[in-house]
């Protein structure tokens, strides 16, 4: 639902699975870490700072890579190609 609301083009749900799962896991590590088990006390604020730094860095680097790709070959196919489907237009595949 959130993907449609934000109009994200994430066909494989990579962020929904890996990104959201990683963020929740990192926050819960800070909240649930126990010195009796792992030898360290959890710090949710430190985990939140790490999540923020990771999002800023990975978002910035992704933007740079996408800009380079867009300049070199383009990021999207044409409207007609997208409507017909890449299997048919790019690979010549068809349902028999």
Protein backbone atom coordinates (compact mmCIF):
# COMPACT_ATOMS: atom_id res chain seq x y z
CA UNK A 1 0.00 0.00 0.00
CA UNK A 2 2.81 2.42 0.88
CA UNK A 3 4.58 1.62 -2.40
CA UNK A 4 1.49 2.66 -4.39
CA UNK A 5 0.98 5.76 -2.25
CA UNK A 6 4.56 6.92 -2.86
CA UNK A 7 4.40 5.80 -6.52
CA UNK A 8 7.63 3.82 -6.19
CA UNK A 9 8.77 1.62 -9.04
CA UNK A 10 10.09 -1.31 -7.01
CA UNK A 11 8.94 -4.37 -8.94
CA UNK A 12 10.82 -6.84 -6.73
CA UNK A 13 9.90 -5.16 -3.41
CA UNK A 14 13.60 -5.00 -2.57
CA UNK A 15 13.23 -2.00 -0.25
CA UNK A 16 10.08 -3.37 1.35
CA UNK A 17 11.81 -6.60 2.24
CA UNK A 18 15.45 -5.70 2.82
CA UNK A 19 15.21 -2.01 3.67
CA UNK A 20 12.28 -2.08 6.05
CA UNK A 21 13.42 -5.39 7.58
CA UNK A 22 16.91 -3.99 8.12
CA UNK A 23 15.62 -0.79 9.71
CA UNK A 24 13.32 -2.67 12.07
CA UNK A 25 16.08 -5.14 12.92
CA UNK A 26 18.56 -2.37 13.65
CA UNK A 27 16.10 -0.52 15.89
CA UNK A 28 15.15 -3.69 17.75
CA UNK A 29 18.83 -4.55 18.25
CA UNK A 30 19.29 -1.26 20.08
CA UNK A 31 16.18 -1.81 22.12
CA UNK A 32 16.54 -5.52 22.94
CA UNK A 33 20.31 -5.95 23.30
CA UNK A 34 21.16 -7.39 26.69
CA UNK A 35 24.57 -7.28 28.43
CA UNK A 36 23.80 -10.72 29.90
CA UNK A 37 23.66 -12.24 26.41
CA UNK A 38 25.98 -10.23 24.16
CA UNK A 39 28.11 -8.33 26.66
CA UNK A 40 26.92 -4.90 25.50
CA UNK A 41 24.00 -2.67 26.38
CA UNK A 42 21.73 -1.63 23.53
CA UNK A 43 21.53 1.99 22.48
CA UNK A 44 18.49 2.80 20.35
CA UNK A 45 19.67 6.36 19.61
CA UNK A 46 23.01 5.06 18.30
CA UNK A 47 21.16 2.59 16.11
CA UNK A 48 18.87 5.36 14.85
CA UNK A 49 21.91 7.51 14.00
CA UNK A 50 23.43 4.57 12.12
CA UNK A 51 20.20 4.02 10.19
CA UNK A 52 20.07 7.71 9.27
CA UNK A 53 23.72 7.76 8.14
CA UNK A 54 23.17 4.62 6.08
CA UNK A 55 20.05 6.05 4.40
CA UNK A 56 21.80 9.34 3.56
CA UNK A 57 24.93 7.62 2.20
CA UNK A 58 23.17 4.89 0.23
CA UNK A 59 20.57 7.33 -1.09
CA UNK A 60 23.24 9.80 -2.20
CA UNK A 61 25.39 7.14 -3.87
CA UNK A 62 22.35 5.63 -5.58
CA UNK A 63 21.43 9.07 -6.92
CA UNK A 64 24.94 9.50 -8.34
CA UNK A 65 24.88 6.08 -10.02
CA UNK A 66 21.40 6.67 -11.45
CA UNK A 67 22.42 10.04 -12.84
CA UNK A 68 25.44 8.49 -14.58
CA UNK A 69 23.33 5.65 -16.01
CA UNK A 70 20.67 8.12 -17.17
CA UNK A 71 23.32 10.14 -19.03
CA UNK A 72 24.92 7.06 -20.62
CA UNK A 73 21.99 4.85 -21.65
CA UNK A 74 18.82 6.21 -20.04
CA UNK A 75 16.86 4.81 -17.15
CA UNK A 76 13.51 4.02 -18.75
CA UNK A 77 12.26 2.48 -21.93
CA UNK A 78 9.79 4.26 -24.18
CA UNK A 79 6.06 4.33 -23.46
CA UNK A 80 5.30 1.97 -26.37
CA UNK A 81 7.95 -0.52 -25.24
CA UNK A 82 6.67 -0.42 -21.67
CA UNK A 83 3.07 -0.88 -22.82
CA UNK A 84 3.95 -3.82 -25.09
CA UNK A 85 6.16 -5.35 -22.42
CA UNK A 86 9.90 -5.87 -22.44
CA UNK A 87 9.63 -9.61 -23.11
CA UNK A 88 8.00 -8.94 -26.46
CA UNK A 89 9.70 -5.71 -27.54
CA UNK A 90 13.24 -6.27 -26.27
CA UNK A 91 13.56 -10.05 -26.42
CA UNK A 92 11.08 -11.11 -29.08
CA UNK A 93 9.28 -13.49 -26.72
CA UNK A 94 5.59 -14.15 -27.13
CA UNK A 95 2.97 -16.40 -25.56
CA UNK A 96 2.25 -19.27 -27.92
